[in-house]
N, C-alpha and C. Protein backbone atom coordinates (compact mmCIF):
# COMPACT_ATOMS: atom_id res chain seq x y z
N MET A 1 4.17 3.47 28.76
CA MET A 1 3.27 2.54 28.12
C MET A 1 1.94 2.44 28.87
N GLU A 2 1.60 3.47 29.59
CA GLU A 2 0.40 3.45 30.42
C GLU A 2 -0.89 3.38 29.61
N ASN A 3 -0.87 3.77 28.33
CA ASN A 3 -2.07 3.72 27.49
C ASN A 3 -2.11 2.49 26.59
N CYS A 4 -1.16 1.60 26.72
CA CYS A 4 -1.08 0.41 25.88
C CYS A 4 -2.02 -0.69 26.41
N VAL A 5 -2.96 -1.14 25.56
CA VAL A 5 -3.94 -2.15 25.98
C VAL A 5 -3.32 -3.53 26.17
N PHE A 6 -2.09 -3.72 25.70
CA PHE A 6 -1.42 -5.00 25.93
C PHE A 6 -0.52 -4.95 27.17
N CYS A 7 -0.01 -3.78 27.50
CA CYS A 7 0.75 -3.61 28.75
C CYS A 7 -0.20 -3.55 29.95
N ASN A 8 -1.37 -2.96 29.72
CA ASN A 8 -2.37 -2.77 30.76
C ASN A 8 -3.68 -3.37 30.28
N THR A 9 -3.82 -4.66 30.42
CA THR A 9 -4.96 -5.37 29.83
C THR A 9 -6.30 -4.89 30.37
N ASP A 10 -6.33 -4.28 31.53
CA ASP A 10 -7.59 -3.77 32.10
C ASP A 10 -8.16 -2.59 31.31
N LEU A 11 -7.35 -1.97 30.46
CA LEU A 11 -7.83 -0.84 29.66
C LEU A 11 -8.87 -1.27 28.63
N GLU A 12 -8.86 -2.54 28.26
CA GLU A 12 -9.85 -3.08 27.31
C GLU A 12 -10.71 -4.08 28.08
N PRO A 13 -11.90 -3.65 28.54
CA PRO A 13 -12.72 -4.51 29.39
C PRO A 13 -13.23 -5.78 28.69
N ASN A 14 -13.28 -5.80 27.37
CA ASN A 14 -13.74 -6.99 26.64
C ASN A 14 -12.61 -7.96 26.33
N GLN A 15 -11.42 -7.68 26.81
CA GLN A 15 -10.23 -8.50 26.55
C GLN A 15 -9.92 -9.35 27.78
N LYS A 16 -9.67 -10.62 27.54
CA LYS A 16 -9.37 -11.54 28.65
C LYS A 16 -8.04 -12.23 28.42
N VAL A 17 -7.30 -12.44 29.50
CA VAL A 17 -6.09 -13.25 29.45
C VAL A 17 -6.53 -14.70 29.54
N ILE A 18 -6.26 -15.47 28.50
CA ILE A 18 -6.65 -16.88 28.47
C ILE A 18 -5.52 -17.76 28.99
N PHE A 19 -4.29 -17.48 28.55
CA PHE A 19 -3.10 -18.21 29.00
C PHE A 19 -1.96 -17.23 29.19
N ARG A 20 -1.00 -17.65 29.99
CA ARG A 20 0.21 -16.86 30.19
C ARG A 20 1.37 -17.79 30.50
N ASN A 21 2.56 -17.31 30.21
CA ASN A 21 3.76 -17.98 30.67
C ASN A 21 4.72 -16.89 31.16
N GLU A 22 5.98 -17.23 31.36
CA GLU A 22 6.89 -16.28 31.99
C GLU A 22 7.13 -15.02 31.17
N HIS A 23 6.93 -15.08 29.84
CA HIS A 23 7.25 -13.93 28.99
C HIS A 23 6.08 -13.38 28.18
N CYS A 24 4.99 -14.12 28.07
CA CYS A 24 3.92 -13.62 27.20
C CYS A 24 2.53 -14.07 27.63
N LEU A 25 1.53 -13.44 27.00
CA LEU A 25 0.12 -13.69 27.29
C LEU A 25 -0.61 -14.06 26.00
N PHE A 26 -1.67 -14.86 26.12
CA PHE A 26 -2.60 -15.05 25.01
C PHE A 26 -3.89 -14.34 25.41
N LEU A 27 -4.29 -13.36 24.62
CA LEU A 27 -5.46 -12.53 24.89
C LEU A 27 -6.54 -12.78 23.84
N GLN A 28 -7.78 -12.75 24.28
CA GLN A 28 -8.92 -12.83 23.37
C GLN A 28 -9.93 -11.77 23.76
N LEU A 29 -10.58 -11.21 22.74
CA LEU A 29 -11.73 -10.34 22.98
C LEU A 29 -12.96 -11.21 23.19
N ASP A 30 -13.95 -10.71 23.88
CA ASP A 30 -15.16 -11.49 24.18
C ASP A 30 -15.82 -12.03 22.91
N GLN A 31 -15.82 -11.25 21.82
CA GLN A 31 -16.51 -11.71 20.60
C GLN A 31 -15.86 -12.95 19.99
N ALA A 32 -14.62 -13.27 20.36
CA ALA A 32 -13.96 -14.47 19.86
C ALA A 32 -14.62 -15.74 20.40
N LYS A 33 -15.38 -15.61 21.47
CA LYS A 33 -16.07 -16.76 22.07
C LYS A 33 -17.38 -17.10 21.34
N ILE A 34 -17.85 -16.21 20.47
CA ILE A 34 -19.15 -16.41 19.81
C ILE A 34 -19.00 -17.39 18.65
N LYS A 35 -19.68 -18.52 18.75
CA LYS A 35 -19.66 -19.54 17.69
C LYS A 35 -20.19 -18.94 16.39
N GLY A 36 -19.45 -19.15 15.32
CA GLY A 36 -19.88 -18.67 14.01
C GLY A 36 -19.51 -17.24 13.69
N SER A 37 -18.92 -16.52 14.66
CA SER A 37 -18.53 -15.13 14.39
C SER A 37 -17.34 -15.11 13.43
N GLN A 38 -17.10 -13.96 12.82
CA GLN A 38 -16.02 -13.84 11.84
C GLN A 38 -14.66 -14.22 12.42
N LEU A 39 -14.41 -13.88 13.65
CA LEU A 39 -13.13 -14.18 14.27
C LEU A 39 -13.28 -15.15 15.44
N GLU A 40 -14.14 -16.14 15.27
CA GLU A 40 -14.34 -17.15 16.31
C GLU A 40 -13.00 -17.77 16.71
N GLY A 41 -12.69 -17.70 17.98
CA GLY A 41 -11.47 -18.31 18.52
C GLY A 41 -10.22 -17.48 18.39
N ALA A 42 -10.26 -16.39 17.63
CA ALA A 42 -9.05 -15.61 17.37
C ALA A 42 -8.54 -14.91 18.62
N GLY A 43 -7.26 -14.68 18.64
CA GLY A 43 -6.63 -13.95 19.73
C GLY A 43 -5.23 -13.53 19.34
N VAL A 44 -4.53 -12.96 20.30
CA VAL A 44 -3.16 -12.51 20.05
C VAL A 44 -2.25 -12.99 21.17
N ILE A 45 -1.02 -13.29 20.78
CA ILE A 45 0.02 -13.59 21.75
C ILE A 45 0.91 -12.35 21.81
N VAL A 46 1.09 -11.81 23.02
CA VAL A 46 1.86 -10.58 23.20
C VAL A 46 2.95 -10.79 24.25
N PRO A 47 4.11 -10.15 24.06
CA PRO A 47 5.11 -10.20 25.12
C PRO A 47 4.63 -9.36 26.31
N LYS A 48 4.97 -9.80 27.51
CA LYS A 48 4.59 -9.03 28.70
C LYS A 48 5.31 -7.68 28.73
N LYS A 49 6.57 -7.66 28.32
CA LYS A 49 7.30 -6.40 28.26
C LYS A 49 6.94 -5.70 26.95
N HIS A 50 6.87 -4.40 27.01
CA HIS A 50 6.51 -3.63 25.82
C HIS A 50 7.63 -3.74 24.78
N ARG A 51 7.31 -4.34 23.66
CA ARG A 51 8.19 -4.45 22.51
C ARG A 51 7.39 -3.92 21.33
N GLU A 52 7.93 -2.96 20.60
CA GLU A 52 7.14 -2.31 19.56
C GLU A 52 6.78 -3.27 18.42
N THR A 53 7.74 -4.05 17.93
CA THR A 53 7.45 -5.00 16.85
C THR A 53 8.10 -6.35 17.18
N VAL A 54 7.77 -7.33 16.39
CA VAL A 54 8.33 -8.67 16.55
C VAL A 54 9.86 -8.65 16.44
N PHE A 55 10.39 -7.69 15.69
CA PHE A 55 11.84 -7.60 15.52
C PHE A 55 12.55 -7.20 16.80
N ASP A 56 11.81 -6.75 17.79
CA ASP A 56 12.38 -6.33 19.07
C ASP A 56 12.35 -7.41 20.14
N LEU A 57 11.77 -8.58 19.84
CA LEU A 57 11.68 -9.65 20.84
C LEU A 57 13.06 -10.23 21.15
N THR A 58 13.23 -10.63 22.39
CA THR A 58 14.45 -11.35 22.77
C THR A 58 14.28 -12.82 22.37
N GLN A 59 15.36 -13.55 22.40
CA GLN A 59 15.29 -14.98 22.09
C GLN A 59 14.38 -15.69 23.08
N GLU A 60 14.44 -15.30 24.34
CA GLU A 60 13.59 -15.92 25.36
C GLU A 60 12.12 -15.65 25.07
N GLU A 61 11.81 -14.44 24.61
CA GLU A 61 10.42 -14.10 24.27
C GLU A 61 9.95 -14.89 23.05
N TRP A 62 10.85 -15.07 22.07
CA TRP A 62 10.50 -15.90 20.90
C TRP A 62 10.16 -17.32 21.35
N GLU A 63 11.02 -17.89 22.18
CA GLU A 63 10.82 -19.26 22.64
C GLU A 63 9.54 -19.38 23.47
N ALA A 64 9.26 -18.39 24.30
CA ALA A 64 8.04 -18.40 25.10
C ALA A 64 6.81 -18.25 24.20
N THR A 65 6.92 -17.45 23.15
CA THR A 65 5.83 -17.30 22.18
C THR A 65 5.54 -18.65 21.53
N TYR A 66 6.58 -19.36 21.12
CA TYR A 66 6.41 -20.68 20.51
C TYR A 66 5.70 -21.63 21.46
N ARG A 67 6.15 -21.68 22.70
CA ARG A 67 5.53 -22.59 23.67
C ARG A 67 4.06 -22.24 23.90
N LEU A 68 3.78 -20.96 24.01
CA LEU A 68 2.39 -20.54 24.23
C LEU A 68 1.55 -20.83 22.99
N LEU A 69 2.10 -20.66 21.81
CA LEU A 69 1.38 -20.95 20.58
C LEU A 69 0.94 -22.42 20.53
N GLN A 70 1.78 -23.32 20.98
CA GLN A 70 1.43 -24.75 21.01
C GLN A 70 0.25 -24.99 21.96
N GLN A 71 0.28 -24.33 23.10
CA GLN A 71 -0.80 -24.46 24.09
C GLN A 71 -2.10 -23.87 23.52
N VAL A 72 -1.99 -22.73 22.87
CA VAL A 72 -3.16 -22.07 22.27
C VAL A 72 -3.78 -22.95 21.20
N LYS A 73 -2.96 -23.55 20.33
CA LYS A 73 -3.49 -24.41 19.27
C LYS A 73 -4.25 -25.59 19.86
N GLU A 74 -3.70 -26.21 20.88
CA GLU A 74 -4.38 -27.34 21.53
C GLU A 74 -5.74 -26.90 22.07
N TYR A 75 -5.77 -25.76 22.72
CA TYR A 75 -7.01 -25.21 23.27
C TYR A 75 -8.02 -24.89 22.17
N LEU A 76 -7.59 -24.20 21.11
CA LEU A 76 -8.51 -23.82 20.03
C LEU A 76 -9.02 -25.04 19.28
N ASP A 77 -8.15 -26.02 19.05
CA ASP A 77 -8.59 -27.26 18.39
C ASP A 77 -9.70 -27.93 19.19
N LYS A 78 -9.57 -27.93 20.50
CA LYS A 78 -10.56 -28.57 21.36
C LYS A 78 -11.85 -27.75 21.46
N GLU A 79 -11.71 -26.43 21.64
CA GLU A 79 -12.87 -25.57 21.89
C GLU A 79 -13.61 -25.14 20.62
N HIS A 80 -12.90 -25.02 19.50
CA HIS A 80 -13.52 -24.44 18.29
C HIS A 80 -13.40 -25.33 17.05
N THR A 81 -12.56 -26.34 17.08
CA THR A 81 -12.34 -27.28 15.97
C THR A 81 -12.23 -26.62 14.59
N PRO A 82 -11.28 -25.68 14.43
CA PRO A 82 -11.08 -25.09 13.11
C PRO A 82 -10.44 -26.10 12.16
N GLN A 83 -10.55 -25.82 10.87
CA GLN A 83 -9.94 -26.67 9.86
C GLN A 83 -8.60 -26.11 9.37
N GLY A 84 -8.23 -24.93 9.83
CA GLY A 84 -6.97 -24.31 9.44
C GLY A 84 -6.69 -23.11 10.33
N TYR A 85 -5.56 -22.48 10.07
CA TYR A 85 -5.14 -21.31 10.84
C TYR A 85 -4.42 -20.31 9.95
N ASN A 86 -4.51 -19.04 10.29
CA ASN A 86 -3.61 -18.02 9.81
C ASN A 86 -2.91 -17.44 11.03
N LEU A 87 -1.61 -17.23 10.90
CA LEU A 87 -0.80 -16.61 11.95
C LEU A 87 -0.10 -15.42 11.34
N GLY A 88 0.00 -14.32 12.07
CA GLY A 88 0.69 -13.19 11.47
C GLY A 88 1.03 -12.07 12.43
N TRP A 89 2.13 -11.40 12.08
CA TRP A 89 2.59 -10.21 12.78
C TRP A 89 2.43 -9.03 11.83
N ASN A 90 1.77 -7.96 12.24
CA ASN A 90 1.75 -6.72 11.48
C ASN A 90 2.83 -5.83 12.10
N CYS A 91 3.70 -5.29 11.26
CA CYS A 91 4.80 -4.47 11.76
C CYS A 91 4.80 -3.10 11.12
N ASP A 92 4.78 -2.10 11.94
CA ASP A 92 4.80 -0.69 11.54
C ASP A 92 3.48 -0.31 10.86
N GLU A 93 3.28 0.99 10.72
CA GLU A 93 2.01 1.51 10.21
C GLU A 93 1.69 1.00 8.81
N VAL A 94 2.65 1.03 7.90
CA VAL A 94 2.41 0.57 6.53
C VAL A 94 2.11 -0.93 6.51
N GLY A 95 2.65 -1.67 7.46
CA GLY A 95 2.39 -3.10 7.56
C GLY A 95 1.07 -3.43 8.25
N GLY A 96 0.30 -2.41 8.61
CA GLY A 96 -1.02 -2.62 9.20
C GLY A 96 -1.05 -2.68 10.72
N GLN A 97 0.07 -2.36 11.37
CA GLN A 97 0.09 -2.38 12.83
C GLN A 97 -0.64 -1.16 13.36
N HIS A 98 -1.61 -1.38 14.24
CA HIS A 98 -2.39 -0.28 14.83
C HIS A 98 -2.12 -0.11 16.31
N ILE A 99 -1.71 -1.18 16.96
CA ILE A 99 -1.29 -1.12 18.36
C ILE A 99 0.21 -1.39 18.34
N PHE A 100 0.99 -0.44 18.77
CA PHE A 100 2.44 -0.54 18.63
C PHE A 100 3.08 -1.24 19.82
N HIS A 101 2.57 -2.43 20.05
CA HIS A 101 3.11 -3.41 20.99
C HIS A 101 3.03 -4.71 20.20
N ALA A 102 4.14 -5.38 20.02
CA ALA A 102 4.19 -6.59 19.19
C ALA A 102 3.08 -7.55 19.58
N HIS A 103 2.41 -8.12 18.58
CA HIS A 103 1.38 -9.12 18.85
C HIS A 103 1.23 -10.05 17.66
N LEU A 104 1.21 -11.34 17.97
CA LEU A 104 1.04 -12.40 16.98
C LEU A 104 -0.44 -12.74 16.90
N HIS A 105 -1.04 -12.49 15.74
CA HIS A 105 -2.43 -12.85 15.53
C HIS A 105 -2.53 -14.36 15.32
N VAL A 106 -3.43 -15.00 16.04
CA VAL A 106 -3.74 -16.42 15.88
C VAL A 106 -5.20 -16.46 15.45
N ILE A 107 -5.42 -16.82 14.17
CA ILE A 107 -6.76 -16.75 13.60
C ILE A 107 -7.19 -18.13 13.10
N PRO A 108 -8.09 -18.78 13.82
CA PRO A 108 -8.62 -20.06 13.34
C PRO A 108 -9.44 -19.82 12.06
N ARG A 109 -9.41 -20.80 11.15
CA ARG A 109 -10.15 -20.70 9.90
C ARG A 109 -11.09 -21.91 9.77
N TYR A 110 -12.21 -21.68 9.10
CA TYR A 110 -13.28 -22.69 9.03
C TYR A 110 -13.69 -22.91 7.57
N GLU A 111 -13.98 -24.16 7.24
CA GLU A 111 -14.28 -24.51 5.85
C GLU A 111 -15.57 -23.88 5.33
N ASP A 112 -16.47 -23.43 6.20
CA ASP A 112 -17.71 -22.81 5.75
C ASP A 112 -17.61 -21.29 5.60
N GLU A 113 -16.41 -20.72 5.72
CA GLU A 113 -16.21 -19.28 5.51
C GLU A 113 -16.26 -18.95 4.02
N PRO A 114 -16.77 -17.79 3.65
CA PRO A 114 -16.71 -17.38 2.24
C PRO A 114 -15.29 -17.29 1.70
N LEU A 115 -14.31 -16.98 2.54
CA LEU A 115 -12.92 -16.87 2.08
C LEU A 115 -12.08 -18.09 2.46
N ALA A 116 -12.72 -19.21 2.75
CA ALA A 116 -11.98 -20.44 3.05
C ALA A 116 -11.05 -20.74 1.87
N GLY A 117 -9.85 -21.13 2.16
CA GLY A 117 -8.87 -21.42 1.12
C GLY A 117 -8.05 -20.22 0.70
N LYS A 118 -8.40 -19.04 1.17
CA LYS A 118 -7.66 -17.82 0.84
C LYS A 118 -6.72 -17.53 2.01
N GLY A 119 -5.44 -17.47 1.72
CA GLY A 119 -4.45 -17.23 2.76
C GLY A 119 -4.14 -15.76 2.94
N ILE A 120 -3.11 -15.48 3.73
CA ILE A 120 -2.79 -14.10 4.05
C ILE A 120 -2.27 -13.32 2.86
N ARG A 121 -1.77 -13.98 1.83
CA ARG A 121 -1.28 -13.26 0.66
C ARG A 121 -2.41 -12.90 -0.31
N TYR A 122 -3.61 -13.39 -0.08
CA TYR A 122 -4.73 -13.18 -1.00
C TYR A 122 -4.95 -11.70 -1.32
N MET A 123 -5.01 -10.86 -0.30
CA MET A 123 -5.27 -9.44 -0.55
C MET A 123 -4.08 -8.75 -1.21
N PHE A 124 -2.88 -9.21 -0.93
CA PHE A 124 -1.69 -8.58 -1.50
C PHE A 124 -1.56 -8.87 -2.99
N LYS A 125 -2.09 -9.99 -3.44
CA LYS A 125 -1.99 -10.37 -4.84
C LYS A 125 -3.10 -9.77 -5.69
N SER A 126 -4.04 -9.06 -5.08
CA SER A 126 -5.16 -8.51 -5.84
C SER A 126 -4.72 -7.32 -6.69
N LYS A 127 -5.46 -7.08 -7.76
CA LYS A 127 -5.15 -5.96 -8.66
C LYS A 127 -5.23 -4.62 -7.94
N GLU A 128 -6.06 -4.54 -6.90
CA GLU A 128 -6.18 -3.29 -6.15
C GLU A 128 -4.90 -2.94 -5.40
N ASN A 129 -3.99 -3.89 -5.25
CA ASN A 129 -2.77 -3.67 -4.47
C ASN A 129 -1.54 -3.46 -5.35
N ILE A 130 -1.71 -3.22 -6.64
CA ILE A 130 -0.55 -2.96 -7.51
C ILE A 130 0.03 -1.59 -7.15
N ARG A 131 1.32 -1.55 -6.93
CA ARG A 131 1.99 -0.31 -6.54
C ARG A 131 2.02 0.69 -7.70
N LYS A 132 1.90 1.95 -7.38
CA LYS A 132 1.89 3.01 -8.38
C LYS A 132 3.20 3.04 -9.15
N GLY A 133 3.10 3.16 -10.45
CA GLY A 133 4.29 3.28 -11.28
C GLY A 133 4.91 1.95 -11.69
N TYR A 134 4.24 0.86 -11.36
CA TYR A 134 4.82 -0.46 -11.70
C TYR A 134 3.90 -1.25 -12.58
């Protein structure tokens, strides 16, 4: 896992560890700090041990993820004051996973966004996503 940017956080110089606990890290890219940016405040919670998808997490890693998520929400509410959140795991290539180390996306949402009120199912329900032959 020497080329994994979540196993070796120094491989991505714009990525910072914001919080950590015994089993996982909360990472943010520098652009998440920019007020008004598309992904203001966004980051990922990753297990310290290389796990390919969320389905590979141990119970202890799940519990640590939950605890860190509570800490992250408190921090983001204070620092960025979002009006909502999207949380999500992309699993496997068809599911949109591009880094094959499990990571929970934590995405603050703001009422002045053009897509405010649109949740994670919005793109899946579009006509462009109808499966062939159905």
